[in-house]
Every structure is written in structure tokens, then in C-alpha cells.
């Protein structure tokens, strides 16, 4: 599923990131018995099931589910502090080019 989720995180406001991975994952596995958590019948329910599975950490302040299954992620100030420190020592690295279809 990493390949599915790879291009589905984008910077947004008032939250910092939004992930839509629950929607394609649900679509792919909704008819495969035993893959999705029991009782999950929609992408939104899958997104809700993902939240408690996230490990506690000092970088994510909160996560909420909106719409059909978007996970909105708000980062802590510690995340931005660490990122700015990293950028100041390593510099910015451009993303790899997207493959053309």
C-alpha cells in the first residue's frame, strides 16, 4: 500500500497535510474477505480505523477524518523545528521526477 499512499499526501491549510490513501485502499480491497478491519464498509470508516493505529509521536499534533475518507494531519511545532534544522544543514532536495504515463 506504500505505492498507493506515496502520491496522496499534500500540503494544505488549516491542517498541514491531507492523506487520501483510505479511499484507494478501500476500493482495492472491499471485495476481498479478511483484508479490511471487521465492520469497515466505507473509505471513511477505514480512515477512522487508521487513526488509532498511528503510533504516538512528538511530530503529529492531531489527525481528523473528513469527507469521504480524507485524513487531515496537523503537525506540531517540533516537526517544523526539526525540518528547518534539517534543511539548514542538508539543503533542499527536489523531489524525483514523476514518471510520464
PDB file of N, CA and C in Angstrom:
ATOM      1  N   UNK A   1       0.810  -1.193   0.000  1.00  0.00           N
ATOM      2  CA  UNK A   1       0.000   0.000   0.000  1.00  0.00           C
ATOM      3  C   UNK A   1       0.855   1.260   0.000  1.00  0.00           C
ATOM      4  N   UNK A   2       2.150   1.128   0.272  1.00  0.00           N
ATOM      5  CA  UNK A   2       3.011   2.305   0.241  1.00  0.00           C
ATOM      6  C   UNK A   2       2.958   2.969  -1.133  1.00  0.00           C
ATOM      7  N   UNK A   3       2.898   2.173  -2.181  1.00  0.00           N
ATOM      8  CA  UNK A   3       2.828   2.744  -3.524  1.00  0.00           C
ATOM      9  C   UNK A   3       1.527   3.502  -3.725  1.00  0.00           C
ATOM     10  N   UNK A   4       0.448   3.019  -3.148  1.00  0.00           N
ATOM     11  CA  UNK A   4      -0.835   3.708  -3.262  1.00  0.00           C
ATOM     12  C   UNK A   4      -0.777   5.037  -2.528  1.00  0.00           C
ATOM     13  N   UNK A   5      -0.181   5.037  -1.329  1.00  0.00           N
ATOM     14  CA  UNK A   5      -0.181   6.223  -0.485  1.00  0.00           C
ATOM     15  C   UNK A   5       0.900   7.222  -0.870  1.00  0.00           C
ATOM     16  N   UNK A   6       1.893   6.807  -1.655  1.00  0.00           N
ATOM     17  CA  UNK A   6       3.046   7.652  -1.943  1.00  0.00           C
ATOM     18  C   UNK A   6       2.681   9.041  -2.458  1.00  0.00           C
ATOM     19  N   UNK A   7       1.819   9.129  -3.407  1.00  0.00           N
ATOM     20  CA  UNK A   7       1.490  10.413  -4.017  1.00  0.00           C
ATOM     21  C   UNK A   7       0.185  11.002  -3.505  1.00  0.00           C
ATOM     22  N   UNK A   8      -0.257  10.570  -2.343  1.00  0.00           N
ATOM     23  CA  UNK A   8      -1.559  11.018  -1.885  1.00  0.00           C
ATOM     24  C   UNK A   8      -1.487  11.946  -0.685  1.00  0.00           C
ATOM     25  N   UNK A   9      -0.321  12.435  -0.366  1.00  0.00           N
ATOM     26  CA  UNK A   9      -0.186  13.358   0.758  1.00  0.00           C
ATOM     27  C   UNK A   9       0.173  14.722   0.189  1.00  0.00           C
ATOM     28  N   UNK A  10      -0.607  15.725   0.537  1.00  0.00           N
ATOM     29  CA  UNK A  10      -0.375  17.061   0.014  1.00  0.00           C
ATOM     30  C   UNK A  10      -0.439  18.080   1.140  1.00  0.00           C
ATOM     31  N   UNK A  11       0.298  19.148   0.995  1.00  0.00           N
ATOM     32  CA  UNK A  11       0.259  20.215   1.991  1.00  0.00           C
ATOM     33  C   UNK A  11      -1.020  21.028   1.814  1.00  0.00           C
ATOM     34  N   UNK A  12      -1.722  21.251   2.895  1.00  0.00           N
ATOM     35  CA  UNK A  12      -2.975  22.015   2.885  1.00  0.00           C
ATOM     36  C   UNK A  12      -3.070  22.834   4.167  1.00  0.00           C
ATOM     37  N   UNK A  13      -3.968  23.775   4.206  1.00  0.00           N
ATOM     38  CA  UNK A  13      -4.274  24.525   5.431  1.00  0.00           C
ATOM     39  C   UNK A  13      -5.773  24.499   5.629  1.00  0.00           C
ATOM     40  N   UNK A  14      -6.337  24.534   6.829  1.00  0.00           N
ATOM     41  CA  UNK A  14      -5.747  24.809   8.131  1.00  0.00           C
ATOM     42  C   UNK A  14      -4.975  23.644   8.721  1.00  0.00           C
ATOM     43  N   UNK A  15      -5.123  22.437   8.202  1.00  0.00           N
ATOM     44  CA  UNK A  15      -4.249  21.349   8.610  1.00  0.00           C
ATOM     45  C   UNK A  15      -3.018  21.421   7.709  1.00  0.00           C
ATOM     46  N   UNK A  16      -1.984  20.684   8.052  1.00  0.00           N
ATOM     47  CA  UNK A  16      -0.750  20.788   7.290  1.00  0.00           C
ATOM     48  C   UNK A  16      -0.655  19.800   6.127  1.00  0.00           C
ATOM     49  N   UNK A  17      -1.234  18.625   6.318  1.00  0.00           N
ATOM     50  CA  UNK A  17      -1.203  17.610   5.270  1.00  0.00           C
ATOM     51  C   UNK A  17      -2.556  16.921   5.188  1.00  0.00           C
ATOM     52  N   UNK A  18      -2.822  16.341   4.031  1.00  0.00           N
ATOM     53  CA  UNK A  18      -4.050  15.579   3.852  1.00  0.00           C
ATOM     54  C   UNK A  18      -3.675  14.293   3.123  1.00  0.00           C
ATOM     55  N   UNK A  19      -4.167  13.170   3.626  1.00  0.00           N
ATOM     56  CA  UNK A  19      -3.884  11.869   3.033  1.00  0.00           C
ATOM     57  C   UNK A  19      -5.196  11.238   2.578  1.00  0.00           C
ATOM     58  N   UNK A  20      -5.249  10.789   1.336  1.00  0.00           N
ATOM     59  CA  UNK A  20      -6.467  10.161   0.830  1.00  0.00           C
ATOM     60  C   UNK A  20      -6.280   8.666   0.596  1.00  0.00           C
ATOM     61  N   UNK A  21      -5.273   8.064   1.210  1.00  0.00           N
ATOM     62  CA  UNK A  21      -4.948   6.655   0.964  1.00  0.00           C
ATOM     63  C   UNK A  21      -6.084   5.709   1.320  1.00  0.00           C
ATOM     64  N   UNK A  22      -6.937   6.066   2.281  1.00  0.00           N
ATOM     65  CA  UNK A  22      -8.024   5.165   2.674  1.00  0.00           C
ATOM     66  C   UNK A  22      -8.968   4.898   1.501  1.00  0.00           C
ATOM     67  N   UNK A  23      -9.137   5.861   0.617  1.00  0.00           N
ATOM     68  CA  UNK A  23     -10.086   5.685  -0.489  1.00  0.00           C
ATOM     69  C   UNK A  23      -9.604   4.648  -1.518  1.00  0.00           C
ATOM     70  N   UNK A  24      -8.379   4.747  -2.046  1.00  0.00           N
ATOM     71  CA  UNK A  24      -7.960   3.706  -2.999  1.00  0.00           C
ATOM     72  C   UNK A  24      -7.743   2.346  -2.334  1.00  0.00           C
ATOM     73  N   UNK A  25      -7.286   2.337  -1.087  1.00  0.00           N
ATOM     74  CA  UNK A  25      -7.097   1.058  -0.396  1.00  0.00           C
ATOM     75  C   UNK A  25      -8.449   0.377  -0.199  1.00  0.00           C
ATOM     76  N   UNK A  26      -9.456   1.141   0.222  1.00  0.00           N
ATOM     77  CA  UNK A  26     -10.797   0.562   0.383  1.00  0.00           C
ATOM     78  C   UNK A  26     -11.311   0.025  -0.948  1.00  0.00           C
ATOM     79  N   UNK A  27     -11.170   0.810  -2.005  1.00  0.00           N
ATOM     80  CA  UNK A  27     -11.631   0.387  -3.319  1.00  0.00           C
ATOM     81  C   UNK A  27     -10.967  -0.897  -3.788  1.00  0.00           C
ATOM     82  N   UNK A  28      -9.699  -1.029  -3.483  1.00  0.00           N
ATOM     83  CA  UNK A  28      -8.960  -2.208  -3.921  1.00  0.00           C
ATOM     84  C   UNK A  28      -9.360  -3.463  -3.149  1.00  0.00           C
ATOM     85  N   UNK A  29      -9.639  -3.318  -1.857  1.00  0.00           N
ATOM     86  CA  UNK A  29      -9.839  -4.492  -1.006  1.00  0.00           C
ATOM     87  C   UNK A  29     -11.264  -4.705  -0.510  1.00  0.00           C
ATOM     88  N   UNK A  30     -12.221  -3.887  -0.912  1.00  0.00           N
ATOM     89  CA  UNK A  30     -13.576  -4.003  -0.359  1.00  0.00           C
ATOM     90  C   UNK A  30     -14.230  -5.344  -0.652  1.00  0.00           C
ATOM     91  N   UNK A  31     -13.827  -6.011  -1.698  1.00  0.00           N
ATOM     92  CA  UNK A  31     -14.434  -7.302  -2.039  1.00  0.00           C
ATOM     93  C   UNK A  31     -13.525  -8.484  -1.704  1.00  0.00           C
ATOM     94  N   UNK A  32     -12.428  -8.216  -0.974  1.00  0.00           N
ATOM     95  CA  UNK A  32     -11.518  -9.284  -0.578  1.00  0.00           C
ATOM     96  C   UNK A  32     -11.746  -9.592   0.897  1.00  0.00           C
ATOM     97  N   UNK A  33     -12.321 -10.740   1.197  1.00  0.00           N
ATOM     98  CA  UNK A  33     -12.632 -11.070   2.598  1.00  0.00           C
ATOM     99  C   UNK A  33     -11.383 -11.099   3.485  1.00  0.00           C
ATOM    100  N   UNK A  34     -11.534 -10.547   4.681  1.00  0.00           N
ATOM    101  CA  UNK A  34     -10.492 -10.631   5.689  1.00  0.00           C
ATOM    102  C   UNK A  34      -9.358  -9.634   5.583  1.00  0.00           C
ATOM    103  N   UNK A  35      -9.368  -8.768   4.584  1.00  0.00           N
ATOM    104  CA  UNK A  35      -8.271  -7.813   4.436  1.00  0.00           C
ATOM    105  C   UNK A  35      -8.547  -6.543   5.232  1.00  0.00           C
ATOM    106  N   UNK A  36      -9.732  -5.996   5.096  1.00  0.00           N
ATOM    107  CA  UNK A  36     -10.091  -4.767   5.808  1.00  0.00           C
ATOM    108  C   UNK A  36     -10.497  -5.104   7.241  1.00  0.00           C
ATOM    109  N   UNK A  37     -10.359  -4.142   8.163  1.00  0.00           N
ATOM    110  CA  UNK A  37     -10.824  -4.391   9.533  1.00  0.00           C
ATOM    111  C   UNK A  37     -12.303  -4.759   9.537  1.00  0.00           C
ATOM    112  N   UNK A  38     -12.683  -5.604  10.468  1.00  0.00           N
ATOM    113  CA  UNK A  38     -14.070  -6.063  10.557  1.00  0.00           C
ATOM    114  C   UNK A  38     -15.028  -4.878  10.712  1.00  0.00           C
ATOM    115  N   UNK A  39     -16.107  -4.906   9.975  1.00  0.00           N
ATOM    116  CA  UNK A  39     -17.137  -3.875  10.069  1.00  0.00           C
ATOM    117  C   UNK A  39     -16.893  -2.652   9.202  1.00  0.00           C
ATOM    118  N   UNK A  40     -15.743  -2.549   8.563  1.00  0.00           N
ATOM    119  CA  UNK A  40     -15.441  -1.387   7.716  1.00  0.00           C
ATOM    120  C   UNK A  40     -16.184  -1.538   6.400  1.00  0.00           C
ATOM    121  N   UNK A  41     -17.074  -0.572   6.114  1.00  0.00           N
ATOM    122  CA  UNK A  41     -17.911  -0.642   4.921  1.00  0.00           C
ATOM    123  C   UNK A  41     -17.796   0.599   4.033  1.00  0.00           C
ATOM    124  N   UNK A  42     -16.831   1.491   4.349  1.00  0.00           N
ATOM    125  CA  UNK A  42     -16.652   2.687   3.537  1.00  0.00           C
ATOM    126  C   UNK A  42     -15.220   3.198   3.719  1.00  0.00           C
ATOM    127  N   UNK A  43     -14.750   4.021   2.773  1.00  0.00           N
ATOM    128  CA  UNK A  43     -13.430   4.627   2.939  1.00  0.00           C
ATOM    129  C   UNK A  43     -13.341   5.474   4.212  1.00  0.00           C
ATOM    130  N   UNK A  44     -14.433   6.157   4.563  1.00  0.00           N
ATOM    131  CA  UNK A  44     -14.416   6.979   5.776  1.00  0.00           C
ATOM    132  C   UNK A  44     -14.221   6.102   7.014  1.00  0.00           C
ATOM    133  N   UNK A  45     -14.890   4.957   7.056  1.00  0.00           N
ATOM    134  CA  UNK A  45     -14.708   4.047   8.186  1.00  0.00           C
ATOM    135  C   UNK A  45     -13.280   3.488   8.222  1.00  0.00           C
ATOM    136  N   UNK A  46     -12.697   3.230   7.060  1.00  0.00           N
ATOM    137  CA  UNK A  46     -11.318   2.766   7.020  1.00  0.00           C
ATOM    138  C   UNK A  46     -10.380   3.852   7.543  1.00  0.00           C
ATOM    139  N   UNK A  47     -10.598   5.098   7.129  1.00  0.00           N
ATOM    140  CA  UNK A  47      -9.778   6.202   7.632  1.00  0.00           C
ATOM    141  C   UNK A  47      -9.900   6.310   9.152  1.00  0.00           C
ATOM    142  N   UNK A  48     -11.121   6.151   9.674  1.00  0.00           N
ATOM    143  CA  UNK A  48     -11.325   6.183  11.126  1.00  0.00           C
ATOM    144  C   UNK A  48     -10.565   5.041  11.800  1.00  0.00           C
ATOM    145  N   UNK A  49     -10.488   3.885  11.154  1.00  0.00           N
ATOM    146  CA  UNK A  49      -9.770   2.737  11.714  1.00  0.00           C
ATOM    147  C   UNK A  49      -8.259   2.943  11.683  1.00  0.00           C
ATOM    148  N   UNK A  50      -7.774   3.743  10.739  1.00  0.00           N
ATOM    149  CA  UNK A  50      -6.332   4.006  10.631  1.00  0.00           C
ATOM    150  C   UNK A  50      -5.838   4.867  11.795  1.00  0.00           C
ATOM    151  N   UNK A  51      -6.630   5.846  12.209  1.00  0.00           N
ATOM    152  CA  UNK A  51      -6.170   6.807  13.223  1.00  0.00           C
ATOM    153  C   UNK A  51      -5.645   6.161  14.494  1.00  0.00           C
ATOM    154  N   UNK A  52      -6.366   5.234  15.131  1.00  0.00           N
ATOM    155  CA  UNK A  52      -5.830   4.650  16.360  1.00  0.00           C
ATOM    156  C   UNK A  52      -4.590   3.774  16.124  1.00  0.00           C
ATOM    157  N   UNK A  53      -4.345   3.382  14.870  1.00  0.00           N
ATOM    158  CA  UNK A  53      -3.169   2.564  14.560  1.00  0.00           C
ATOM    159  C   UNK A  53      -1.900   3.407  14.426  1.00  0.00           C
ATOM    160  N   UNK A  54      -2.033   4.716  14.352  1.00  0.00           N
ATOM    161  CA  UNK A  54      -0.856   5.583  14.256  1.00  0.00           C
ATOM    162  C   UNK A  54      -0.121   5.579  15.592  1.00  0.00           C
ATOM    163  N   UNK A  55       1.187   5.383  15.570  1.00  0.00           N
ATOM    164  CA  UNK A  55       1.928   5.352  16.837  1.00  0.00           C
ATOM    165  C   UNK A  55       2.015   6.744  17.457  1.00  0.00           C
ATOM    166  N   UNK A  56       2.028   6.820  18.781  1.00  0.00           N
ATOM    167  CA  UNK A  56       2.204   8.128  19.423  1.00  0.00           C
ATOM    168  C   UNK A  56       3.577   8.702  19.031  1.00  0.00           C
ATOM    169  N   UNK A  57       3.607   9.996  18.829  1.00  0.00           N
ATOM    170  CA  UNK A  57       4.879  10.640  18.489  1.00  0.00           C
ATOM    171  C   UNK A  57       4.801  12.119  18.802  1.00  0.00           C
ATOM    172  N   UNK A  58       5.938  12.774  18.718  1.00  0.00           N
ATOM    173  CA  UNK A  58       6.019  14.197  19.037  1.00  0.00           C
ATOM    174  C   UNK A  58       5.844  15.090  17.816  1.00  0.00           C
ATOM    175  N   UNK A  59       5.587  14.507  16.657  1.00  0.00           N
ATOM    176  CA  UNK A  59       5.522  15.305  15.434  1.00  0.00           C
ATOM    177  C   UNK A  59       4.105  15.581  14.950  1.00  0.00           C
ATOM    178  N   UNK A  60       3.168  14.698  15.264  1.00  0.00           N
ATOM    179  CA  UNK A  60       1.785  14.889  14.830  1.00  0.00           C
ATOM    180  C   UNK A  60       0.975  15.415  16.007  1.00  0.00           C
ATOM    181  N   UNK A  61       0.385  16.591  15.813  1.00  0.00           N
ATOM    182  CA  UNK A  61      -0.445  17.182  16.866  1.00  0.00           C
ATOM    183  C   UNK A  61      -1.834  16.550  16.877  1.00  0.00           C
ATOM    184  N   UNK A  62      -2.409  16.335  15.682  1.00  0.00           N
ATOM    185  CA  UNK A  62      -3.744  15.740  15.616  1.00  0.00           C
ATOM    186  C   UNK A  62      -4.020  15.234  14.209  1.00  0.00           C
ATOM    187  N   UNK A  63      -4.971  14.300  14.152  1.00  0.00           N
ATOM    188  CA  UNK A  63      -5.464  13.781  12.877  1.00  0.00           C
ATOM    189  C   UNK A  63      -6.985  13.725  12.968  1.00  0.00           C
ATOM    190  N   UNK A  64      -7.633  14.114  11.887  1.00  0.00           N
ATOM    191  CA  UNK A  64      -9.085  14.043  11.830  1.00  0.00           C
ATOM    192  C   UNK A  64      -9.485  13.463  10.477  1.00  0.00           C
ATOM    193  N   UNK A  65     -10.671  12.874  10.438  1.00  0.00           N
ATOM    194  CA  UNK A  65     -11.199  12.327   9.191  1.00  0.00           C
ATOM    195  C   UNK A  65     -12.317  13.245   8.714  1.00  0.00           C
ATOM    196  N   UNK A  66     -12.275  13.597   7.441  1.00  0.00           N
ATOM    197  CA  UNK A  66     -13.311  14.440   6.857  1.00  0.00           C
ATOM    198  C   UNK A  66     -13.760  13.842   5.527  1.00  0.00           C
ATOM    199  N   UNK A  67     -14.907  14.304   5.084  1.00  0.00           N
ATOM    200  CA  UNK A  67     -15.426  13.912   3.771  1.00  0.00           C
ATOM    201  C   UNK A  67     -15.504  12.414   3.597  1.00  0.00           C
ATOM    202  N   UNK A  68     -15.194  11.940   2.392  1.00  0.00           N
ATOM    203  CA  UNK A  68     -15.355  10.521   2.097  1.00  0.00           C
ATOM    204  C   UNK A  68     -14.240   9.639   2.652  1.00  0.00           C
ATOM    205  N   UNK A  69     -13.252  10.219   3.345  1.00  0.00           N
ATOM    206  CA  UNK A  69     -12.169   9.414   3.913  1.00  0.00           C
ATOM    207  C   UNK A  69     -10.825  10.107   3.917  1.00  0.00           C
ATOM    208  N   UNK A  70     -10.823  11.426   3.825  1.00  0.00           N
ATOM    209  CA  UNK A  70      -9.574  12.172   3.915  1.00  0.00           C
ATOM    210  C   UNK A  70      -9.095  12.183   5.365  1.00  0.00           C
ATOM    211  N   UNK A  71      -7.802  11.988   5.563  1.00  0.00           N
ATOM    212  CA  UNK A  71      -7.201  12.126   6.888  1.00  0.00           C
ATOM    213  C   UNK A  71      -6.424  13.438   6.880  1.00  0.00           C
ATOM    214  N   UNK A  72      -6.884  14.385   7.687  1.00  0.00           N
ATOM    215  CA  UNK A  72      -6.210  15.674   7.813  1.00  0.00           C
ATOM    216  C   UNK A  72      -5.214  15.581   8.961  1.00  0.00           C
ATOM    217  N   UNK A  73      -3.988  15.992   8.711  1.00  0.00           N
ATOM    218  CA  UNK A  73      -2.896  15.853   9.674  1.00  0.00           C
ATOM    219  C   UNK A  73      -2.363  17.233  10.024  1.00  0.00           C
ATOM    220  N   UNK A  74      -2.360  17.532  11.321  1.00  0.00           N
ATOM    221  CA  UNK A  74      -1.787  18.787  11.815  1.00  0.00           C
ATOM    222  C   UNK A  74      -0.503  18.447  12.559  1.00  0.00           C
ATOM    223  N   UNK A  75       0.577  19.070  12.166  1.00  0.00           N
ATOM    224  CA  UNK A  75       1.883  18.795  12.747  1.00  0.00           C
ATOM    225  C   UNK A  75       2.149  19.701  13.957  1.00  0.00           C
ATOM    226  N   UNK A  76       3.076  19.263  14.810  1.00  0.00           N
ATOM    227  CA  UNK A  76       3.465  20.055  15.977  1.00  0.00           C
ATOM    228  C   UNK A  76       4.552  21.058  15.580  1.00  0.00           C
ATOM    229  N   UNK A  77       4.756  22.069  16.400  1.00  0.00           N
ATOM    230  CA  UNK A  77       5.893  22.970  16.156  1.00  0.00           C
ATOM    231  C   UNK A  77       7.223  22.211  16.135  1.00  0.00           C
ATOM    232  N   UNK A  78       7.344  21.128  16.902  1.00  0.00           N
ATOM    233  CA  UNK A  78       8.588  20.335  16.914  1.00  0.00           C
ATOM    234  C   UNK A  78       8.898  19.773  15.531  1.00  0.00           C
ATOM    235  N   UNK A  79       7.858  19.396  14.775  1.00  0.00           N
ATOM    236  CA  UNK A  79       8.070  18.895  13.423  1.00  0.00           C
ATOM    237  C   UNK A  79       8.737  19.963  12.561  1.00  0.00           C
ATOM    238  N   UNK A  80       8.190  21.173  12.600  1.00  0.00           N
ATOM    239  CA  UNK A  80       8.730  22.248  11.760  1.00  0.00           C
ATOM    240  C   UNK A  80      10.121  22.660  12.220  1.00  0.00           C
ATOM    241  N   UNK A  81      10.361  22.643  13.516  1.00  0.00           N
ATOM    242  CA  UNK A  81      11.695  22.950  14.034  1.00  0.00           C
ATOM    243  C   UNK A  81      12.705  21.931  13.513  1.00  0.00           C
ATOM    244  N   UNK A  82      12.366  20.648  13.620  1.00  0.00           N
ATOM    245  CA  UNK A  82      13.267  19.601  13.143  1.00  0.00           C
ATOM    246  C   UNK A  82      13.479  19.700  11.637  1.00  0.00           C
ATOM    247  N   UNK A  83      12.413  19.973  10.897  1.00  0.00           N
ATOM    248  CA  UNK A  83      12.532  20.076   9.446  1.00  0.00           C
ATOM    249  C   UNK A  83      13.415  21.261   9.048  1.00  0.00           C
ATOM    250  N   UNK A  84      13.207  22.393   9.681  1.00  0.00           N
ATOM    251  CA  UNK A  84      14.028  23.565   9.359  1.00  0.00           C
ATOM    252  C   UNK A  84      15.495  23.341   9.714  1.00  0.00           C
ATOM    253  N   UNK A  85      15.746  22.643  10.815  1.00  0.00           N
ATOM    254  CA  UNK A  85      17.139  22.303  11.156  1.00  0.00           C
ATOM    255  C   UNK A  85      17.747  21.413  10.076  1.00  0.00           C
ATOM    256  N   UNK A  86      16.984  20.431   9.632  1.00  0.00           N
ATOM    257  CA  UNK A  86      17.475  19.517   8.603  1.00  0.00           C
ATOM    258  C   UNK A  86      17.766  20.278   7.308  1.00  0.00           C
ATOM    259  N   UNK A  87      16.836  21.129   6.897  1.00  0.00           N
ATOM    260  CA  UNK A  87      17.027  21.909   5.668  1.00  0.00           C
ATOM    261  C   UNK A  87      18.240  22.824   5.792  1.00  0.00           C
ATOM    262  N   UNK A  88      18.434  23.415   6.973  1.00  0.00           N
ATOM    263  CA  UNK A  88      19.555  24.340   7.135  1.00  0.00           C
ATOM    264  C   UNK A  88      20.905  23.626   7.072  1.00  0.00           C
ATOM    265  N   UNK A  89      20.948  22.326   7.371  1.00  0.00           N
ATOM    266  CA  UNK A  89      22.215  21.601   7.293  1.00  0.00           C
ATOM    267  C   UNK A  89      22.360  20.804   6.006  1.00  0.00           C
ATOM    268  N   UNK A  90      21.264  20.276   5.465  1.00  0.00           N
ATOM    269  CA  UNK A  90      21.325  19.425   4.271  1.00  0.00           C
ATOM    270  C   UNK A  90      20.942  20.146   2.988  1.00  0.00           C
ATOM    271  N   UNK A  91      20.215  21.239   3.113  1.00  0.00           N
ATOM    272  CA  UNK A  91      19.708  21.929   1.943  1.00  0.00           C
ATOM    273  C   UNK A  91      18.432  21.274   1.435  1.00  0.00           C
ATOM    274  N   UNK A  92      17.803  21.919   0.498  1.00  0.00           N
ATOM    275  CA  UNK A  92      16.576  21.375  -0.089  1.00  0.00           C
ATOM    276  C   UNK A  92      16.932  20.397  -1.203  1.00  0.00           C
ATOM    277  N   UNK A  93      16.232  19.294  -1.220  1.00  0.00           N
ATOM    278  CA  UNK A  93      16.429  18.289  -2.256  1.00  0.00           C
ATOM    279  C   UNK A  93      15.138  18.226  -3.064  1.00  0.00           C
ATOM    280  N   UNK A  94      15.228  18.448  -4.371  1.00  0.00           N
ATOM    281  CA  UNK A  94      13.998  18.399  -5.167  1.00  0.00           C
ATOM    282  C   UNK A  94      13.440  16.983  -5.203  1.00  0.00           C
ATOM    283  N   UNK A  95      12.127  16.849  -5.373  1.00  0.00           N
ATOM    284  CA  UNK A  95      11.539  15.515  -5.473  1.00  0.00           C
ATOM    285  C   UNK A  95      11.984  14.840  -6.764  1.00  0.00           C
ATOM    286  N   UNK A  96      11.966  13.512  -6.785  1.00  0.00           N
ATOM    287  CA  UNK A  96      12.321  12.828  -8.029  1.00  0.00           C
ATOM    288  C   UNK A  96      11.301  13.134  -9.114  1.00  0.00           C
ATOM    289  N   UNK A  97      11.720  13.123 -10.365  1.00  0.00           N
ATOM    290  CA  UNK A  97      10.774  13.400 -11.447  1.00  0.00           C
ATOM    291  C   UNK A  97       9.665  12.343 -11.480  1.00  0.00           C
ATOM    292  N   UNK A  98       8.458  12.772 -11.795  1.00  0.00           N
ATOM    293  CA  UNK A  98       7.326  11.853 -11.919  1.00  0.00           C
ATOM    294  C   UNK A  98       7.426  11.109 -13.229  1.00  0.00           C
ATOM    295  N   UNK A  99       7.154   9.806 -13.195  1.00  0.00           N
ATOM    296  CA  UNK A  99       7.161   9.076 -14.484  1.00  0.00           C
ATOM    297  C   UNK A  99       6.008   9.545 -15.355  1.00  0.00           C
ATOM    298  N   UNK A 100       6.263   9.674 -16.622  1.00  0.00           N
ATOM    299  CA  UNK A 100       5.227  10.101 -17.576  1.00  0.00           C
ATOM    300  C   UNK A 100       4.441   8.877 -18.008  1.00  0.00           C
ATOM    301  N   UNK A 101       3.127   9.005 -18.017  1.00  0.00           N
ATOM    302  CA  UNK A 101       2.274   7.884 -18.433  1.00  0.00           C
ATOM    303  C   UNK A 101       1.891   8.031 -19.869  1.00  0.00           C
TER     304      UNK A 101
END
